[in-house]
Amino acid sequence: MDIKEIKLLTNCLLEQKEFYTFKLGLTVVKETKKSFTVAVGLSKLTFSFSDNVEKPYYHFALGISKDKYKEAKDWFKQRVTFNKVNGKDEFFSKLWNSQSLYFYDPAGNIVGFIARPIRNSPSILHKKDFCNKDILNISEIGLPVYNVPEMKDFIIHSFNFESYREGNETFMPLGNEEGLFILSKIDRVWLGIK
């Protein structure tokens, strides 16, 4: 599944724009007085100002080709502080065949970068050091819900989705290695929270 664009709310639009454009070097592709959109590889990330929701925050992950993981970690480490859980700042999943790291953006979003062996990855051709152009896409977006099994059934039947891996009552990934909806029960703690 390709995630073409995600649109998120924020109370700190200017800080978000500075972070994603100056710190991470992403290119603004659209801007208004109340929103901006940056290119994230093949995806787009839009932040819109909101004063109706107090401190909205999200979890999403940027996709990195597995062959660039070490270089990506070094590149991000110069720009962000990684979140540590039980003293570790990186997480390997044999089941998901992935490595990931997490950090907060200025709005408190839990942003990850996740490396998987992605087919037809353009970064495989890019032999130089990692740079912002090696961010492939938005790989995951978290969707907190009250009832994970019910929402899973609704999405699968309404949009012809498939389960990515086994889930449970509190957590269910839908999609594939190129893009995932991560259904999570409202009160479940996200991996990567300090």
C-alpha atoms as a PDB file:
ATOM      1  CA  MET A   1       0.000   0.000   0.000  1.00  0.00           C
ATOM      2  CA  ASP A   2       1.364   3.417  -0.891  1.00  0.00           C
ATOM      3  CA  ILE A   3       0.623   6.224   1.547  1.00  0.00           C
ATOM      4  CA  LYS A   4       0.315   9.196  -0.794  1.00  0.00           C
ATOM      5  CA  GLU A   5      -0.344  11.874   1.841  1.00  0.00           C
ATOM      6  CA  ILE A   6      -1.186  12.298   5.484  1.00  0.00           C
ATOM      7  CA  LYS A   7      -2.758  15.468   6.882  1.00  0.00           C
ATOM      8  CA  LEU A   8      -2.150  16.228  10.538  1.00  0.00           C
ATOM      9  CA  LEU A   9      -3.191  19.015  12.898  1.00  0.00           C
ATOM     10  CA  THR A  10      -0.741  21.061  14.948  1.00  0.00           C
ATOM     11  CA  ASN A  11      -0.787  23.919  17.462  1.00  0.00           C
ATOM     12  CA  CYS A  12       2.760  24.975  16.498  1.00  0.00           C
ATOM     13  CA  LEU A  13       2.803  25.376  12.728  1.00  0.00           C
ATOM     14  CA  LEU A  14       5.925  27.573  12.480  1.00  0.00           C
ATOM     15  CA  GLU A  15       8.009  25.284  14.694  1.00  0.00           C
ATOM     16  CA  GLN A  16       6.884  22.270  12.660  1.00  0.00           C
ATOM     17  CA  LYS A  17       7.766  23.964   9.391  1.00  0.00           C
ATOM     18  CA  GLU A  18      11.215  24.914  10.677  1.00  0.00           C
ATOM     19  CA  PHE A  19      11.844  21.375  11.921  1.00  0.00           C
ATOM     20  CA  TYR A  20      10.790  19.543   8.762  1.00  0.00           C
ATOM     21  CA  THR A  21      12.331  22.002   6.300  1.00  0.00           C
ATOM     22  CA  PHE A  22      15.503  23.227   8.028  1.00  0.00           C
ATOM     23  CA  LYS A  23      16.387  20.321  10.317  1.00  0.00           C
ATOM     24  CA  LEU A  24      15.301  17.463   8.065  1.00  0.00           C
ATOM     25  CA  GLY A  25      15.722  19.347   4.791  1.00  0.00           C
ATOM     26  CA  LEU A  26      12.368  18.357   3.294  1.00  0.00           C
ATOM     27  CA  THR A  27      11.038  20.483   0.442  1.00  0.00           C
ATOM     28  CA  VAL A  28       7.852  22.526   0.826  1.00  0.00           C
ATOM     29  CA  VAL A  29       5.543  21.696  -2.086  1.00  0.00           C
ATOM     30  CA  LYS A  30       2.505  23.703  -0.942  1.00  0.00           C
ATOM     31  CA  GLU A  31       1.898  26.401   1.637  1.00  0.00           C
ATOM     32  CA  THR A  32      -0.914  28.628   2.903  1.00  0.00           C
ATOM     33  CA  LYS A  33      -1.173  30.870   5.973  1.00  0.00           C
ATOM     34  CA  LYS A  34      -2.549  27.943   7.974  1.00  0.00           C
ATOM     35  CA  SER A  35      -0.798  24.888   6.497  1.00  0.00           C
ATOM     36  CA  PHE A  36       2.252  23.572   4.728  1.00  0.00           C
ATOM     37  CA  THR A  37       3.045  20.376   2.842  1.00  0.00           C
ATOM     38  CA  VAL A  38       6.479  18.794   2.463  1.00  0.00           C
ATOM     39  CA  ALA A  39       7.579  16.023   0.125  1.00  0.00           C
ATOM     40  CA  VAL A  40       8.643  12.883   2.001  1.00  0.00           C
ATOM     41  CA  GLY A  41      10.026  10.745  -0.793  1.00  0.00           C
ATOM     42  CA  LEU A  42       6.997   9.536  -2.751  1.00  0.00           C
ATOM     43  CA  SER A  43       4.589  10.747  -0.035  1.00  0.00           C
ATOM     44  CA  LYS A  44       3.426  14.133   1.206  1.00  0.00           C
ATOM     45  CA  LEU A  45       3.140  15.317   4.797  1.00  0.00           C
ATOM     46  CA  THR A  46       0.744  18.185   5.523  1.00  0.00           C
ATOM     47  CA  PHE A  47       0.418  20.067   8.803  1.00  0.00           C
ATOM     48  CA  SER A  48      -2.565  22.374   9.334  1.00  0.00           C
ATOM     49  CA  PHE A  49      -2.884  24.815  12.204  1.00  0.00           C
ATOM     50  CA  SER A  50      -5.637  24.061  14.702  1.00  0.00           C
ATOM     51  CA  ASP A  51      -6.622  25.820  17.886  1.00  0.00           C
ATOM     52  CA  ASN A  52      -9.673  23.567  18.328  1.00  0.00           C
ATOM     53  CA  VAL A  53      -7.720  20.495  19.459  1.00  0.00           C
ATOM     54  CA  GLU A  54      -5.375  20.895  22.413  1.00  0.00           C
ATOM     55  CA  LYS A  55      -1.898  19.595  21.525  1.00  0.00           C
ATOM     56  CA  PRO A  56      -2.807  17.088  18.818  1.00  0.00           C
ATOM     57  CA  TYR A  57      -0.143  14.446  18.333  1.00  0.00           C
ATOM     58  CA  TYR A  58       0.373  11.400  16.148  1.00  0.00           C
ATOM     59  CA  HIS A  59       2.646   8.473  15.406  1.00  0.00           C
ATOM     60  CA  PHE A  60       4.001   8.003  11.901  1.00  0.00           C
ATOM     61  CA  ALA A  61       7.130   6.513  10.389  1.00  0.00           C
ATOM     62  CA  LEU A  62       9.391   7.478   7.537  1.00  0.00           C
ATOM     63  CA  GLY A  63      10.482   4.617   5.285  1.00  0.00           C
ATOM     64  CA  ILE A  64      14.188   3.952   4.793  1.00  0.00           C
ATOM     65  CA  SER A  65      15.710   1.210   2.675  1.00  0.00           C
ATOM     66  CA  LYS A  66      17.407  -1.397   4.876  1.00  0.00           C
ATOM     67  CA  ASP A  67      20.671  -0.999   2.976  1.00  0.00           C
ATOM     68  CA  LYS A  68      20.850   2.606   4.273  1.00  0.00           C
ATOM     69  CA  TYR A  69      19.995   1.991   7.941  1.00  0.00           C
ATOM     70  CA  LYS A  70      23.395   2.724   9.502  1.00  0.00           C
ATOM     71  CA  GLU A  71      23.909   5.841   7.389  1.00  0.00           C
ATOM     72  CA  ALA A  72      20.344   6.978   8.155  1.00  0.00           C
ATOM     73  CA  LYS A  73      20.909   6.602  11.896  1.00  0.00           C
ATOM     74  CA  ASP A  74      24.071   8.700  11.702  1.00  0.00           C
ATOM     75  CA  TRP A  75      22.281  11.357   9.611  1.00  0.00           C
ATOM     76  CA  PHE A  76      19.235  11.591  11.917  1.00  0.00           C
ATOM     77  CA  LYS A  77      21.460  11.561  15.035  1.00  0.00           C
ATOM     78  CA  GLN A  78      22.962  14.878  13.901  1.00  0.00           C
ATOM     79  CA  ARG A  79      19.462  16.404  13.751  1.00  0.00           C
ATOM     80  CA  VAL A  80      17.298  14.814  16.460  1.00  0.00           C
ATOM     81  CA  THR A  81      17.517  13.129  19.852  1.00  0.00           C
ATOM     82  CA  PHE A  82      16.417   9.519  19.695  1.00  0.00           C
ATOM     83  CA  ASN A  83      13.907   8.289  22.244  1.00  0.00           C
ATOM     84  CA  LYS A  84      15.189   5.521  24.473  1.00  0.00           C
ATOM     85  CA  VAL A  85      13.062   2.718  25.877  1.00  0.00           C
ATOM     86  CA  ASN A  86      14.707   0.634  28.602  1.00  0.00           C
ATOM     87  CA  GLY A  87      18.050   2.181  27.635  1.00  0.00           C
ATOM     88  CA  LYS A  88      17.786   1.241  23.939  1.00  0.00           C
ATOM     89  CA  ASP A  89      17.378   3.691  21.080  1.00  0.00           C
ATOM     90  CA  GLU A  90      16.927   1.180  18.256  1.00  0.00           C
ATOM     91  CA  PHE A  91      14.525  -1.680  17.827  1.00  0.00           C
ATOM     92  CA  PHE A  92      14.855  -4.785  15.672  1.00  0.00           C
ATOM     93  CA  SER A  93      11.878  -6.950  14.803  1.00  0.00           C
ATOM     94  CA  LYS A  94      12.555 -10.371  13.335  1.00  0.00           C
ATOM     95  CA  LEU A  95       8.837 -10.860  12.639  1.00  0.00           C
ATOM     96  CA  TRP A  96       8.593  -7.573  10.712  1.00  0.00           C
ATOM     97  CA  ASN A  97      12.152  -7.860   9.304  1.00  0.00           C
ATOM     98  CA  SER A  98      12.750  -4.239  10.293  1.00  0.00           C
ATOM     99  CA  GLN A  99      14.892  -1.893  12.325  1.00  0.00           C
ATOM    100  CA  SER A 100      13.508   1.359  13.698  1.00  0.00           C
ATOM    101  CA  LEU A 101      14.296   4.452  15.747  1.00  0.00           C
ATOM    102  CA  TYR A 102      11.973   7.076  17.208  1.00  0.00           C
ATOM    103  CA  PHE A 103      12.133  10.779  18.040  1.00  0.00           C
ATOM    104  CA  TYR A 104       9.766  13.628  18.853  1.00  0.00           C
ATOM    105  CA  ASP A 105       9.117  16.556  16.559  1.00  0.00           C
ATOM    106  CA  PRO A 106       8.329  20.002  18.097  1.00  0.00           C
ATOM    107  CA  ALA A 107       4.600  19.179  18.344  1.00  0.00           C
ATOM    108  CA  GLY A 108       5.286  15.975  20.312  1.00  0.00           C
ATOM    109  CA  ASN A 109       4.531  13.610  17.440  1.00  0.00           C
ATOM    110  CA  ILE A 110       6.270  10.253  17.784  1.00  0.00           C
ATOM    111  CA  VAL A 111       8.148  10.085  14.502  1.00  0.00           C
ATOM    112  CA  GLY A 112       9.972   6.930  13.558  1.00  0.00           C
ATOM    113  CA  PHE A 113      12.164   5.887  10.782  1.00  0.00           C
ATOM    114  CA  ILE A 114      11.838   2.277   9.867  1.00  0.00           C
ATOM    115  CA  ALA A 115      14.148   0.291   7.624  1.00  0.00           C
ATOM    116  CA  ARG A 116      12.880  -2.691   5.702  1.00  0.00           C
ATOM    117  CA  PRO A 117      14.198  -4.524   2.643  1.00  0.00           C
ATOM    118  CA  ILE A 118      11.944  -2.700   0.190  1.00  0.00           C
ATOM    119  CA  ARG A 119      11.765  -3.856  -3.398  1.00  0.00           C
ATOM    120  CA  ASN A 120      12.726  -1.417  -6.161  1.00  0.00           C
ATOM    121  CA  SER A 121      14.128   1.060  -3.655  1.00  0.00           C
ATOM    122  CA  PRO A 122      15.657   4.091  -5.385  1.00  0.00           C
ATOM    123  CA  SER A 123      18.195   4.484  -2.554  1.00  0.00           C
ATOM    124  CA  ILE A 124      19.841   1.195  -3.581  1.00  0.00           C
ATOM    125  CA  LEU A 125      21.128   3.082  -6.623  1.00  0.00           C
ATOM    126  CA  HIS A 126      22.275   6.027  -4.479  1.00  0.00           C
ATOM    127  CA  LYS A 127      25.736   5.013  -3.260  1.00  0.00           C
ATOM    128  CA  LYS A 128      26.686   8.254  -1.487  1.00  0.00           C
ATOM    129  CA  ASP A 129      26.128   9.071   2.187  1.00  0.00           C
ATOM    130  CA  PHE A 130      22.546   9.155   3.393  1.00  0.00           C
ATOM    131  CA  CYS A 131      20.639  12.394   2.828  1.00  0.00           C
ATOM    132  CA  ASN A 132      17.028  13.570   2.996  1.00  0.00           C
ATOM    133  CA  LYS A 133      16.494  12.328  -0.581  1.00  0.00           C
ATOM    134  CA  ASP A 134      16.938   8.747   0.731  1.00  0.00           C
ATOM    135  CA  ILE A 135      13.729   8.998   2.770  1.00  0.00           C
ATOM    136  CA  LEU A 136      11.474   6.834   0.615  1.00  0.00           C
ATOM    137  CA  ASN A 137       7.981   7.594   1.870  1.00  0.00           C
ATOM    138  CA  ILE A 138       5.663   7.746   4.819  1.00  0.00           C
ATOM    139  CA  SER A 139       5.761   4.092   5.741  1.00  0.00           C
ATOM    140  CA  GLU A 140       3.281   3.990   8.643  1.00  0.00           C
ATOM    141  CA  ILE A 141       0.530   6.041  10.222  1.00  0.00           C
ATOM    142  CA  GLY A 142      -0.936   5.218  13.597  1.00  0.00           C
ATOM    143  CA  LEU A 143      -4.719   5.180  13.945  1.00  0.00           C
ATOM    144  CA  PRO A 144      -5.850   5.100  17.595  1.00  0.00           C
ATOM    145  CA  VAL A 145      -9.334   3.573  17.857  1.00  0.00           C
ATOM    146  CA  TYR A 146     -11.682   2.417  20.607  1.00  0.00           C
ATOM    147  CA  ASN A 147     -12.227  -1.042  19.160  1.00  0.00           C
ATOM    148  CA  VAL A 148      -9.338  -2.507  17.139  1.00  0.00           C
ATOM    149  CA  PRO A 149     -11.072  -5.705  15.853  1.00  0.00           C
ATOM    150  CA  GLU A 150     -14.178  -3.788  14.801  1.00  0.00           C
ATOM    151  CA  MET A 151     -12.151  -1.127  12.942  1.00  0.00           C
ATOM    152  CA  LYS A 152      -9.959  -3.811  11.356  1.00  0.00           C
ATOM    153  CA  ASP A 153     -13.052  -5.562   9.945  1.00  0.00           C
ATOM    154  CA  PHE A 154     -14.497  -2.251   8.716  1.00  0.00           C
ATOM    155  CA  ILE A 155     -11.276  -1.245   6.888  1.00  0.00           C
ATOM    156  CA  ILE A 156     -10.673  -4.706   5.406  1.00  0.00           C
ATOM    157  CA  HIS A 157     -14.222  -4.989   4.045  1.00  0.00           C
ATOM    158  CA  SER A 158     -14.651  -1.350   2.998  1.00  0.00           C
ATOM    159  CA  PHE A 159     -11.271  -0.769   1.365  1.00  0.00           C
ATOM    160  CA  ASN A 160     -10.077  -4.261   0.417  1.00  0.00           C
ATOM    161  CA  PHE A 161      -7.120  -4.152   2.816  1.00  0.00           C
ATOM    162  CA  GLU A 162      -5.188  -7.084   4.199  1.00  0.00           C
ATOM    163  CA  SER A 163      -3.661  -7.738   7.613  1.00  0.00           C
ATOM    164  CA  TYR A 164       0.114  -7.340   7.555  1.00  0.00           C
ATOM    165  CA  ARG A 165       0.964  -9.458  10.593  1.00  0.00           C
ATOM    166  CA  GLU A 166      -0.994 -11.060  13.380  1.00  0.00           C
ATOM    167  CA  GLY A 167      -2.516  -8.539  15.721  1.00  0.00           C
ATOM    168  CA  ASN A 168      -4.618  -8.608  18.846  1.00  0.00           C
ATOM    169  CA  GLU A 169      -7.326  -6.677  20.680  1.00  0.00           C
ATOM    170  CA  THR A 170      -5.054  -3.650  21.146  1.00  0.00           C
ATOM    171  CA  PHE A 171      -2.836  -3.610  18.035  1.00  0.00           C
ATOM    172  CA  MET A 172      -3.273  -4.508  14.361  1.00  0.00           C
ATOM    173  CA  PRO A 173      -1.122  -3.577  11.333  1.00  0.00           C
ATOM    174  CA  LEU A 174      -2.942  -3.389   7.984  1.00  0.00           C
ATOM    175  CA  GLY A 175      -1.281  -3.070   4.576  1.00  0.00           C
ATOM    176  CA  ASN A 176       2.164  -4.219   3.474  1.00  0.00           C
ATOM    177  CA  GLU A 177       5.860  -3.355   3.797  1.00  0.00           C
ATOM    178  CA  GLU A 178       5.480  -0.289   1.577  1.00  0.00           C
ATOM    179  CA  GLY A 179       2.740   1.229   3.749  1.00  0.00           C
ATOM    180  CA  LEU A 180       0.876   0.354   6.942  1.00  0.00           C
ATOM    181  CA  PHE A 181      -2.060   1.579   8.964  1.00  0.00           C
ATOM    182  CA  ILE A 182      -1.258   0.749  12.571  1.00  0.00           C
ATOM    183  CA  LEU A 183      -4.523   0.337  14.464  1.00  0.00           C
ATOM    184  CA  SER A 184      -3.956   0.841  18.167  1.00  0.00           C
ATOM    185  CA  LYS A 185      -6.356   0.890  21.094  1.00  0.00           C
ATOM    186  CA  ILE A 186      -6.811   4.447  22.399  1.00  0.00           C
ATOM    187  CA  ASP A 187      -5.057   3.847  25.751  1.00  0.00           C
ATOM    188  CA  ARG A 188      -2.222   1.675  24.408  1.00  0.00           C
ATOM    189  CA  VAL A 189       1.323   3.075  24.824  1.00  0.00           C
ATOM    190  CA  TRP A 190       3.176   3.576  21.527  1.00  0.00           C
ATOM    191  CA  LEU A 191       6.637   2.107  21.150  1.00  0.00           C
ATOM    192  CA  GLY A 192       9.116   4.957  21.166  1.00  0.00           C
ATOM    193  CA  ILE A 193       7.509   6.985  23.957  1.00  0.00           C
ATOM    194  CA  LYS A 194      10.070   7.998  26.559  1.00  0.00           C
END
